[in-house]
Amino acid sequence: MEQAPPDPDKLLQPAPVEPLGGPGAVLEAAVGEETEDTREDGSGVDTMTGNNFWLKKIEISVSEAEKRTGRNAVNMQETYTAYLIETRSVEHADGQSVLTDSLWRRYSEFELLRNYLLVCYPHAVVPPLPEKRAEFVWHKLSADNMDPDFVERRRIGLENFLLRVASHPVLCRDKIFYLFLTQEGNWKETVNETGFQLKADSRLKALNATFRVKNPDKRFTELKHYSDELQSVISHLLRVRARVADRLYGVYKVHGNYGRVFSEWSAIEKEMGDGLQSAGHHMDVYASSIDDILEDEEHYADQLKEYLFYAEALRAVCRKHELMQYDLETAAQDLASKKQQCEELATGTVRTFSLKGMTTKLFGQETPEQREARVKVLEEQINEGEQQLKSKNLEGREFVKNAWADIERFKEQKNRDLKEALISYAVMQISMCKKGIQVWTNAKECFSKM
């Protein structure tokens, strides 16, 4: 009797299975004792005492940026920026924080680390890197990637990236990440020896899966749409902020004209001179304050940009799920086809058009021995296909479970971070307005004393 083919739509639903093990070994040396605190709860997901358990043992900072020149892979001289990473153990018998490691890394090495994490932990929402070149800048801000202010903001962003990875409940235990912080020489070779590039999915394959998958998971489809909308909203917000910064800069600098006029006026007045001179001074101070204000604003803009780039990390998880779903559907379809062929050979009836059926009609039926041999081969292929389908099914369930757990963790982090950033930005705007009121209040007092 013919068996119905598996329903691929139901195969990737969550089930109580054990979680996948990470490709990297558990951290050794300085982080050896932390792994003893790692446990598994009833859901099978690794848990620990707080998501930032690693940060309770080790402090990580990118403390310095340095401009350097050197030879690249094609032996051409180039200028680049290197960043000093420092790690400190925060728990010692004498209660002192002692420097354990310090090393220099280029931005390209941060990129290599993140690419490795993306491939080896496809279910994780991997933290993004800060922008390599400035985007959404207002016209007075330099877009040069070697500009000192931009390099400083990128240094802060790279430090934030490392702290994000170190506080992630899964990524923090990867050995390659640990070596990134502690092994300066031959680190690239160590990463390449893992062969992670061979595991990377091609963009063409991912695009093919997106259009050909028949039963996509509604939750991941909605998440993909949400990530697109989140990116669009934050992009618009950053553009508005850049336009406001341009106009605000002009308004503040125009106040410098008040200062110049009041100072010139004070020179021709005897009784009003002191009051006008003092008012002019307040206007000069007000006009010059905008540079520091907009510099502070850039840090809030960088916080928004982080979640602009997080949107792509969400889409990466969705693309991996589509690939797995497509592979599962293909395996199920192939298995159903082989079962049908086996049944047709056993019964001697052909229900669908095939080249083999046409050949049989033209050149005659197969001998019983030939048919029996083909049936045996097909039965072996069916057994193998069933095992592969079962394996893909379990792998898919693990992926869905682990991915959704990390997505929920990310949502909590996003809500907390964006709420804090927007409140801080509003507080800064209120403070800026209060300073403007104070300047005009001081000017009023100066005028009153004339």
Protein backbone atom coordinates (compact mmCIF):
# COMPACT_ATOMS: atom_id res chain seq x y z
CA MET A 1 0.00 0.00 0.00
CA GLU A 2 1.35 3.41 -0.96
CA GLN A 3 2.42 5.60 1.95
CA ALA A 4 1.56 9.28 1.91
CA PRO A 5 4.67 11.50 1.63
CA PRO A 6 5.62 13.49 4.74
CA ASP A 7 4.06 16.92 5.11
CA PRO A 8 7.02 19.38 4.99
CA ASP A 9 4.86 22.11 6.52
CA LYS A 10 4.78 20.23 9.82
CA LEU A 11 8.33 19.03 9.87
CA LEU A 12 10.00 22.25 11.07
CA GLN A 13 7.72 22.85 14.01
CA PRO A 14 9.34 23.10 17.47
CA ALA A 15 9.65 19.89 19.45
CA PRO A 16 11.30 19.01 22.77
CA VAL A 17 14.69 17.95 21.44
CA GLU A 18 18.19 18.50 22.72
CA PRO A 19 19.96 21.70 21.55
CA LEU A 20 22.71 21.72 18.99
CA GLY A 21 26.24 21.89 20.31
CA GLY A 22 28.34 24.88 19.22
CA PRO A 23 31.18 24.29 16.76
CA GLY A 24 33.72 25.84 19.11
CA ALA A 25 34.97 24.07 22.19
CA VAL A 26 34.06 25.40 25.62
CA LEU A 27 36.37 28.21 26.61
CA GLU A 28 39.48 27.12 28.41
CA ALA A 29 42.06 28.80 30.65
CA ALA A 30 40.64 32.07 32.03
CA VAL A 31 37.07 31.07 31.36
CA GLY A 32 37.32 27.44 32.43
CA GLU A 33 35.54 27.91 35.71
CA GLU A 34 32.68 29.82 34.10
CA THR A 35 31.65 26.76 32.12
CA GLU A 36 31.05 24.91 35.37
CA ASP A 37 28.22 27.36 36.04
CA THR A 38 26.55 26.51 32.74
CA ARG A 39 23.44 24.38 33.06
CA GLU A 40 20.53 23.26 30.97
CA ASP A 41 16.98 24.04 31.99
CA GLY A 42 13.98 21.91 31.14
CA SER A 43 13.71 23.41 27.66
CA GLY A 44 17.14 22.11 26.66
CA VAL A 45 18.56 25.62 26.11
CA ASP A 46 21.83 26.51 27.82
CA THR A 47 21.28 28.85 30.73
CA MET A 48 23.61 30.58 33.17
CA THR A 49 23.51 33.02 36.00
CA GLY A 50 22.58 36.05 33.94
CA ASN A 51 23.33 36.52 30.26
CA ASN A 52 26.45 38.52 31.10
CA PHE A 53 28.11 35.75 33.14
CA TRP A 54 31.37 36.15 31.20
CA LEU A 55 31.45 39.89 31.91
CA LYS A 56 31.29 39.16 35.63
CA LYS A 57 34.71 37.49 35.33
CA ILE A 58 36.46 39.51 32.62
CA GLU A 59 36.32 43.15 31.55
CA ILE A 60 36.68 43.78 27.82
CA SER A 61 37.51 47.15 26.31
CA VAL A 62 38.75 48.63 23.06
CA SER A 63 40.81 51.32 24.71
CA GLU A 64 42.74 52.92 21.86
CA ALA A 65 42.84 53.45 18.10
CA GLU A 66 46.05 53.96 16.13
CA LYS A 67 46.64 54.94 12.52
CA ARG A 68 49.15 52.68 10.78
CA THR A 69 50.63 51.97 7.36
CA GLY A 70 51.60 48.59 5.97
CA ARG A 71 51.47 46.19 3.06
CA ASN A 72 48.25 44.47 2.07
CA ALA A 73 47.73 41.03 0.49
CA VAL A 74 48.84 42.24 -2.95
CA ASN A 75 51.94 43.94 -1.50
CA MET A 76 50.60 47.46 -1.92
CA GLN A 77 51.06 50.05 0.79
CA GLU A 78 47.89 51.06 2.62
CA THR A 79 46.82 53.15 5.59
CA TYR A 80 44.55 51.56 8.16
CA THR A 81 43.42 51.88 11.77
CA ALA A 82 44.33 49.33 14.43
CA TYR A 83 42.41 49.00 17.70
CA LEU A 84 43.84 47.97 21.08
CA ILE A 85 41.76 45.31 22.83
CA GLU A 86 42.33 44.88 26.56
CA THR A 87 40.91 42.14 28.76
CA ARG A 88 41.13 42.31 32.54
CA SER A 89 40.27 39.69 35.11
CA VAL A 90 38.01 41.34 37.69
CA GLU A 91 38.21 38.63 40.34
CA HIS A 92 41.47 38.15 42.22
CA ALA A 93 42.36 37.21 45.76
CA ASP A 94 43.73 40.68 46.48
CA GLY A 95 40.62 42.30 45.00
CA GLN A 96 42.64 44.08 42.32
CA SER A 97 41.86 44.15 38.59
CA VAL A 98 44.91 42.87 36.72
CA LEU A 99 45.60 43.24 32.99
CA THR A 100 45.58 39.75 31.47
CA ASP A 101 45.85 40.40 27.75
CA SER A 102 46.18 43.27 25.30
CA LEU A 103 46.52 43.06 21.54
CA TRP A 104 45.85 45.03 18.35
CA ARG A 105 43.19 44.15 15.79
CA ARG A 106 42.16 45.64 12.46
CA TYR A 107 38.56 46.23 11.45
CA SER A 108 38.90 43.42 8.87
CA GLU A 109 39.66 40.98 11.69
CA PHE A 110 36.46 42.01 13.47
CA GLU A 111 34.66 41.31 10.17
CA LEU A 112 36.27 37.86 9.95
CA LEU A 113 35.15 37.06 13.50
CA ARG A 114 31.58 38.09 12.78
CA ASN A 115 31.46 36.13 9.49
CA TYR A 116 32.66 33.07 11.39
CA LEU A 117 29.94 33.50 14.03
CA LEU A 118 27.27 33.96 11.34
CA VAL A 119 28.20 30.68 9.66
CA CYS A 120 28.77 28.57 12.78
CA TYR A 121 25.75 29.86 14.72
CA PRO A 122 23.05 30.38 12.05
CA HIS A 123 20.28 30.32 14.66
CA ALA A 124 21.77 33.26 16.58
CA VAL A 125 21.05 36.95 16.06
CA VAL A 126 24.74 37.87 15.74
CA PRO A 127 25.51 41.44 16.91
CA PRO A 128 26.44 43.81 14.05
CA LEU A 129 29.66 45.73 13.61
CA PRO A 130 29.69 49.54 13.50
CA GLU A 131 29.68 51.09 10.06
CA LYS A 132 32.92 50.98 8.09
CA ARG A 133 32.15 54.36 6.51
CA ALA A 134 29.94 57.08 7.93
CA GLU A 135 26.30 57.09 6.83
CA PHE A 136 23.40 59.47 7.56
CA VAL A 137 25.78 62.33 8.38
CA TRP A 138 24.88 66.01 8.39
CA HIS A 139 26.90 68.20 6.06
CA LYS A 140 29.41 69.58 8.58
CA LEU A 141 30.39 66.09 9.72
CA SER A 142 33.27 64.40 7.91
CA ALA A 143 32.48 61.17 6.04
CA ASP A 144 36.19 60.25 5.90
CA ASN A 145 36.74 56.88 7.57
CA MET A 146 40.11 58.13 8.87
CA ASP A 147 38.59 61.20 10.52
CA PRO A 148 39.55 61.17 14.26
CA ASP A 149 35.96 61.73 15.46
CA PHE A 150 34.64 58.94 13.26
CA VAL A 151 37.45 56.58 14.34
CA GLU A 152 36.61 57.32 17.98
CA ARG A 153 32.93 56.52 17.45
CA ARG A 154 33.88 53.33 15.62
CA ARG A 155 36.20 52.38 18.50
CA ILE A 156 33.21 52.67 20.85
CA GLY A 157 31.11 50.63 18.42
CA LEU A 158 33.72 47.85 18.21
CA GLU A 159 33.91 47.69 21.98
CA ASN A 160 30.12 47.45 22.12
CA PHE A 161 30.25 44.59 19.57
CA LEU A 162 32.67 42.61 21.75
CA LEU A 163 30.54 43.25 24.84
CA ARG A 164 27.43 42.09 22.96
CA VAL A 165 29.14 38.84 21.95
CA ALA A 166 30.56 38.32 25.45
CA SER A 167 27.09 38.72 26.99
CA HIS A 168 25.42 36.37 24.48
CA PRO A 169 24.54 33.06 26.19
CA VAL A 170 25.90 30.95 23.28
CA LEU A 171 28.42 33.03 21.32
CA CYS A 172 30.43 33.92 24.41
CA ARG A 173 31.58 30.31 24.85
CA ASP A 174 33.09 29.96 21.38
CA LYS A 175 36.82 29.26 21.42
CA ILE A 176 37.54 31.35 18.31
CA PHE A 177 36.04 34.37 20.08
CA TYR A 178 38.19 33.66 23.13
CA LEU A 179 41.31 33.43 20.94
CA PHE A 180 40.32 36.69 19.22
CA LEU A 181 40.74 38.38 22.60
CA THR A 182 43.91 36.57 23.65
CA GLN A 183 45.92 35.32 20.63
CA GLU A 184 47.38 38.01 18.41
CA GLY A 185 49.61 35.88 16.18
CA ASN A 186 48.20 33.31 13.74
CA TRP A 187 44.60 34.00 14.76
CA LYS A 188 43.47 34.31 11.13
CA GLU A 189 45.05 30.96 10.31
CA THR A 190 43.25 29.39 13.27
CA VAL A 191 39.91 30.71 12.01
CA ASN A 192 40.52 29.54 8.45
CA GLU A 193 41.49 26.08 9.70
CA THR A 194 37.96 25.63 11.02
CA GLY A 195 36.78 25.50 7.39
CA PHE A 196 33.81 27.73 8.16
CA GLN A 197 33.91 29.23 4.65
CA LEU A 198 32.93 25.83 3.21
CA LYS A 199 29.79 25.83 5.36
CA ALA A 200 28.66 29.26 4.21
CA ASP A 201 25.49 29.29 2.11
CA SER A 202 25.74 31.03 -1.26
CA ARG A 203 23.54 34.06 -1.89
CA LEU A 204 22.19 32.44 -5.06
CA LYS A 205 21.14 29.34 -3.13
CA ALA A 206 19.45 31.45 -0.45
CA LEU A 207 17.62 33.49 -3.08
CA ASN A 208 16.49 30.31 -4.81
CA ALA A 209 15.11 28.93 -1.54
CA THR A 210 13.24 32.19 -0.85
CA PHE A 211 11.27 31.92 -4.08
CA ARG A 212 10.83 28.14 -4.26
CA VAL A 213 9.95 27.16 -0.70
CA LYS A 214 6.31 26.01 -0.68
CA ASN A 215 5.43 26.03 3.01
CA PRO A 216 7.29 28.87 4.76
CA ASP A 217 6.90 29.25 8.51
CA LYS A 218 4.53 32.16 9.13
CA ARG A 219 6.51 33.33 12.17
CA PHE A 220 9.74 33.69 10.21
CA THR A 221 7.93 35.34 7.32
CA GLU A 222 6.48 37.92 9.71
CA LEU A 223 9.90 38.39 11.33
CA LYS A 224 11.43 39.03 7.90
CA HIS A 225 8.79 41.69 7.15
CA TYR A 226 9.35 43.23 10.59
CA SER A 227 13.12 43.48 10.03
CA ASP A 228 12.50 45.25 6.70
CA GLU A 229 10.12 47.71 8.35
CA LEU A 230 12.47 48.27 11.31
CA GLN A 231 15.30 49.10 8.93
CA SER A 232 13.08 51.48 6.97
CA VAL A 233 11.80 53.29 10.07
CA ILE A 234 15.26 53.75 11.61
CA SER A 235 16.68 54.90 8.25
CA HIS A 236 13.99 57.59 8.02
CA LEU A 237 14.60 58.60 11.64
CA LEU A 238 18.33 59.00 11.01
CA ARG A 239 17.68 61.09 7.87
CA VAL A 240 15.33 63.38 9.78
CA ARG A 241 17.86 63.70 12.57
CA ALA A 242 20.61 64.65 10.06
CA ARG A 243 18.37 67.36 8.52
CA VAL A 244 17.49 68.71 11.96
CA ALA A 245 21.19 68.77 12.89
CA ASP A 246 21.98 70.80 9.76
CA ARG A 247 19.33 73.40 10.58
CA LEU A 248 20.16 73.47 14.28
CA TYR A 249 23.81 74.07 13.49
CA GLY A 250 22.84 77.04 11.33
CA VAL A 251 20.53 78.50 13.99
CA TYR A 252 23.17 78.28 16.69
CA LYS A 253 25.92 79.73 14.54
CA VAL A 254 23.67 82.64 13.53
CA HIS A 255 23.51 83.52 17.22
CA GLY A 256 27.24 84.23 16.92
CA ASN A 257 26.20 87.21 14.78
CA TYR A 258 24.27 88.57 17.76
CA GLY A 259 27.49 88.40 19.76
CA ARG A 260 29.47 90.22 17.08
CA VAL A 261 26.84 92.96 16.66
CA PHE A 262 26.42 93.49 20.41
CA SER A 263 30.20 93.73 20.83
CA GLU A 264 30.48 96.31 18.02
CA TRP A 265 27.54 98.25 19.44
CA SER A 266 29.08 98.31 22.92
CA ALA A 267 32.11 100.14 21.50
CA ILE A 268 30.03 103.23 20.63
CA GLU A 269 27.93 103.30 23.82
CA LYS A 270 29.12 104.57 27.19
CA GLU A 271 26.24 103.79 29.53
CA MET A 272 24.97 100.72 27.64
CA GLY A 273 28.39 99.37 26.67
CA ASP A 274 28.95 96.94 29.55
CA GLY A 275 25.49 95.40 29.25
CA LEU A 276 25.81 94.97 25.49
CA GLN A 277 29.31 93.49 25.83
CA SER A 278 28.09 90.94 28.42
CA ALA A 279 25.08 89.98 26.30
CA GLY A 280 27.36 89.51 23.31
CA HIS A 281 29.57 87.19 25.36
CA HIS A 282 26.56 85.00 26.29
CA MET A 283 25.60 84.78 22.62
CA ASP A 284 29.12 83.72 21.64
CA VAL A 285 29.09 80.95 24.25
CA TYR A 286 25.67 79.80 23.01
CA ALA A 287 26.81 79.71 19.39
CA SER A 288 29.95 77.68 20.16
CA SER A 289 28.09 75.11 22.29
CA ILE A 290 26.45 73.47 19.26
CA ASP A 291 29.63 71.61 18.29
CA ASP A 292 29.69 69.62 21.54
CA ILE A 293 25.92 69.12 21.40
CA LEU A 294 25.95 67.60 17.94
CA GLU A 295 28.98 65.47 18.81
CA ASP A 296 26.98 64.00 21.70
CA GLU A 297 24.05 63.48 19.34
CA GLU A 298 26.22 61.33 17.09
CA HIS A 299 26.57 58.79 19.89
CA TYR A 300 22.78 58.47 20.11
CA ALA A 301 22.64 58.17 16.33
CA ASP A 302 25.20 55.33 16.53
CA GLN A 303 22.93 53.50 18.98
CA LEU A 304 20.11 53.71 16.44
CA LYS A 305 22.44 52.59 13.65
CA GLU A 306 23.28 49.46 15.63
CA TYR A 307 19.66 48.36 15.37
CA LEU A 308 19.54 49.46 11.76
CA PHE A 309 22.25 46.84 11.15
CA TYR A 310 20.62 44.33 13.50
CA ALA A 311 17.78 44.15 10.96
CA GLU A 312 20.12 42.36 8.55
CA ALA A 313 21.11 39.92 11.31
CA LEU A 314 17.42 39.03 11.73
CA ARG A 315 17.05 38.49 8.00
CA ALA A 316 20.09 36.18 8.04
CA VAL A 317 18.30 33.89 10.52
CA CYS A 318 15.17 33.95 8.33
CA ARG A 319 17.18 33.09 5.20
CA LYS A 320 18.79 30.11 6.94
CA HIS A 321 15.36 28.84 7.98
CA GLU A 322 14.12 29.16 4.38
CA LEU A 323 17.11 27.16 3.16
CA MET A 324 16.49 24.40 5.68
CA GLN A 325 12.78 24.33 4.87
CA TYR A 326 13.53 24.14 1.14
CA ASP A 327 16.04 21.30 1.65
CA LEU A 328 13.46 19.48 3.74
CA GLU A 329 10.74 19.88 1.12
CA THR A 330 13.13 18.72 -1.62
CA ALA A 331 14.10 15.63 0.40
CA ALA A 332 10.44 14.82 1.08
CA GLN A 333 9.56 15.21 -2.59
CA ASP A 334 12.48 13.03 -3.67
CA LEU A 335 11.49 10.34 -1.16
CA ALA A 336 7.87 10.35 -2.35
CA SER A 337 9.07 10.02 -5.96
CA LYS A 338 11.24 6.99 -5.16
CA LYS A 339 8.39 5.31 -3.28
CA GLN A 340 6.13 5.79 -6.29
CA GLN A 341 8.75 4.31 -8.62
CA CYS A 342 9.14 1.33 -6.31
CA GLU A 343 5.37 0.75 -6.24
CA GLU A 344 5.13 1.00 -10.03
CA LEU A 345 7.89 -1.56 -10.46
CA ALA A 346 6.24 -3.90 -7.95
CA THR A 347 2.78 -3.67 -9.57
CA GLY A 348 3.88 -3.22 -13.17
CA THR A 349 1.71 -0.11 -13.63
CA VAL A 350 3.00 3.32 -14.64
CA ARG A 351 0.79 6.19 -13.47
CA THR A 352 2.91 9.08 -14.72
CA PHE A 353 4.74 9.80 -17.94
CA SER A 354 8.44 8.99 -17.79
CA LEU A 355 11.32 8.33 -20.13
CA LYS A 356 11.62 4.86 -18.62
CA GLY A 357 7.98 4.11 -19.45
CA MET A 358 8.50 5.14 -23.07
CA THR A 359 11.64 3.00 -23.30
CA THR A 360 9.71 0.01 -21.97
CA LYS A 361 7.01 0.43 -24.62
CA LEU A 362 9.59 0.71 -27.41
CA PHE A 363 12.02 -2.02 -26.41
CA GLY A 364 9.87 -4.35 -24.32
CA GLN A 365 9.46 -5.21 -20.63
CA GLU A 366 12.34 -5.75 -18.22
CA THR A 367 13.13 -9.25 -17.10
CA PRO A 368 11.99 -10.19 -13.56
CA GLU A 369 15.63 -10.27 -12.44
CA GLN A 370 16.24 -6.71 -13.73
CA ARG A 371 13.06 -5.46 -12.10
CA GLU A 372 13.93 -7.13 -8.81
CA ALA A 373 17.41 -5.55 -8.88
CA ARG A 374 15.92 -2.10 -9.49
CA VAL A 375 13.41 -2.59 -6.68
CA LYS A 376 16.23 -3.54 -4.32
CA VAL A 377 18.22 -0.43 -5.26
CA LEU A 378 15.15 1.76 -4.80
CA GLU A 379 14.39 0.21 -1.40
CA GLU A 380 17.93 1.00 -0.25
CA GLN A 381 17.57 4.57 -1.53
CA ILE A 382 14.19 4.87 0.23
CA ASN A 383 15.69 3.71 3.54
CA GLU A 384 18.54 6.14 3.13
CA GLY A 385 16.11 8.93 2.17
CA GLU A 386 13.95 8.26 5.22
CA GLN A 387 16.98 8.52 7.47
CA GLN A 388 18.06 11.76 5.80
CA LEU A 389 14.55 13.17 6.11
CA LYS A 390 14.42 12.24 9.78
CA SER A 391 17.82 13.87 10.33
CA LYS A 392 16.78 17.05 8.52
CA ASN A 393 13.55 17.09 10.50
CA LEU A 394 15.37 16.93 13.84
CA GLU A 395 17.93 19.49 12.69
CA GLY A 396 15.13 21.80 11.60
CA ARG A 397 13.29 21.47 14.89
CA GLU A 398 16.48 22.27 16.79
CA PHE A 399 17.08 25.29 14.61
CA VAL A 400 13.55 26.65 15.07
CA LYS A 401 13.68 26.16 18.82
CA ASN A 402 17.14 27.72 19.29
CA ALA A 403 16.48 30.53 16.81
CA TRP A 404 13.20 31.53 18.38
CA ALA A 405 14.71 31.51 21.87
CA ASP A 406 17.45 33.86 20.68
CA ILE A 407 14.96 36.07 18.83
CA GLU A 408 12.96 36.49 22.05
CA ARG A 409 16.17 37.39 23.88
CA PHE A 410 16.98 39.93 21.16
CA LYS A 411 13.51 41.50 21.37
CA GLU A 412 13.91 42.11 25.10
CA GLN A 413 17.35 43.63 24.51
CA LYS A 414 16.07 45.82 21.64
CA ASN A 415 13.11 47.17 23.61
CA ARG A 416 15.31 47.98 26.59
CA ASP A 417 18.12 49.60 24.57
CA LEU A 418 15.95 51.69 22.24
CA LYS A 419 13.79 52.89 25.13
CA GLU A 420 16.89 54.00 27.01
CA ALA A 421 18.44 55.66 23.93
CA LEU A 422 15.27 57.60 23.02
CA ILE A 423 14.74 58.77 26.59
CA SER A 424 18.37 59.90 26.83
CA TYR A 425 18.04 61.73 23.51
CA ALA A 426 14.89 63.50 24.74
CA VAL A 427 16.63 64.45 27.99
CA MET A 428 19.53 65.88 25.99
CA GLN A 429 17.14 67.95 23.86
CA ILE A 430 15.41 69.27 27.00
CA SER A 431 18.77 70.18 28.52
CA MET A 432 19.77 71.95 25.29
CA CYS A 433 16.55 73.99 25.32
CA LYS A 434 17.07 74.89 28.98
CA LYS A 435 20.55 76.17 28.17
CA GLY A 436 19.08 78.31 25.41
CA ILE A 437 16.52 79.74 27.83
CA GLN A 438 19.30 80.41 30.35
CA VAL A 439 21.35 82.28 27.73
CA TRP A 440 18.45 84.57 26.90
CA THR A 441 17.64 84.98 30.60
CA ASN A 442 21.24 86.10 31.18
CA ALA A 443 21.02 88.43 28.19
CA LYS A 444 17.80 89.89 29.60
CA GLU A 445 19.56 90.63 32.91
CA CYS A 446 22.39 92.30 31.02
CA PHE A 447 19.90 94.51 29.18
CA SER A 448 18.10 95.32 32.44
CA LYS A 449 21.31 96.67 33.99
CA MET A 450 21.94 99.10 31.13
